[in-house]
C-alpha cells in the first residue's frame, strides 16, 4: 500500500520536536538517576581518600587530584539537561534522515516505518551495544582508560547498527522463500550468532593493557570489569593509616555497592527507552500530519439481510 507523498523533505520543526524526548529524559534522570549518581560520587570521594592515605603510608607516589571544571550543581542541572536534549535531537535527526532514505522502499504506513526505524535505533545505538559495555555511574571507570573505553563503545555501536541493517536486508531476501515469519526468525538467529562472536572477540574492560599494568597498585585488583573491588593491603607488611594499623590482606574499603550499580543501569535502560519511544511517537504523528495521511477508519460493516419472520401456526 502506497501513501501519497508531498515534498521529499521534513520540516525542521518536525525534527526539532524531538527535544520533547530530551526534556522527558532529563526529568526522568533528575528524579531517579541523580540520587543514585550522588551515592556513586560519595563512594568515589571516600575511595580516593583511602587510596591516597594507603599510598602515602606505603611511600608510593600519590597522584594529585585534577581541577574540578564544572561543579556538581552544574553537572546535575545544565550539564545533564544539555547532554540529554542534544542526544535526543541528534537521534531525532537520525530517524528523520533514515526515514527519507527508506521511504517508498517498504509498503507500510509512514508512521509504522518511523516506529520501526526508532526501534532499530534503540537496539543498535544502545541496547545491543550496552550488553557488552554497560552504562556505569561516575565511580566506575579508570581515568587512564577513558579514551580506550570510548573507542570500544563506539566500535560496538557501529558494529551493532551494521549487523541490524544486514539482518533486515537478509530478512527481505529470505521472505519470498520462507515467508516473513520464517525470514525474521532465520535473520534473528544469524544476527545472534555473529553478535555472539563479536562480543567474544572484543576485550573486556578489566583485561585492557592499562588495567593489567595497574594491577600492582592499591585499589586496582584484577577483575573482568572496572567495577571497584574491595581495597585491601596486599603488601606483606602492615601499614599505619590515620593512627590505625592495617594488617596484610585486611580490607580497608568495601567494593562498589551492587545495588547502586544495578539501579543506575536499570534507570539508564528506562531513560533510553523513554527517549526513543517519545521520538518514535512524536515523529510518527507529525510525519503523518505533514504527509497528509488520513487516519485509518474502520470499514462499514455490510448490512445483513433481514432474517425471515417465522410463520405463526394457524395463520397463512
Foldseek 3Di string as FASTA:
>chain_A
DADFFDDLADDVVLLLVLLVLLVVLLVLCLVFVVVLLVVLVVQLVVVLVVQQLVCVQVVHDRDDDDDDPDDPVCCSPVVSSVVSSVVSSVVLVVLRVVLSVCPPVDPDDSLVSSLVSLVLCLVLQPVLLCVLPNDFHPNFDDPVCVVVSVVSSVVSSVVSSVLVVVLVVQLVVCCVPQNNVVSNVVSVVVSVVVSVVVSVPDAFQLPDPVLVVCCVGFQSPRDSHRFTAFTAQCDCQWTAGPNDIGHHGRGDGHTDDVVSGVSNRVSVSVSSVSSSVVSSVSSSVVVCVVRVPDDDDDDDDDDDDDDDDDDDPPDD
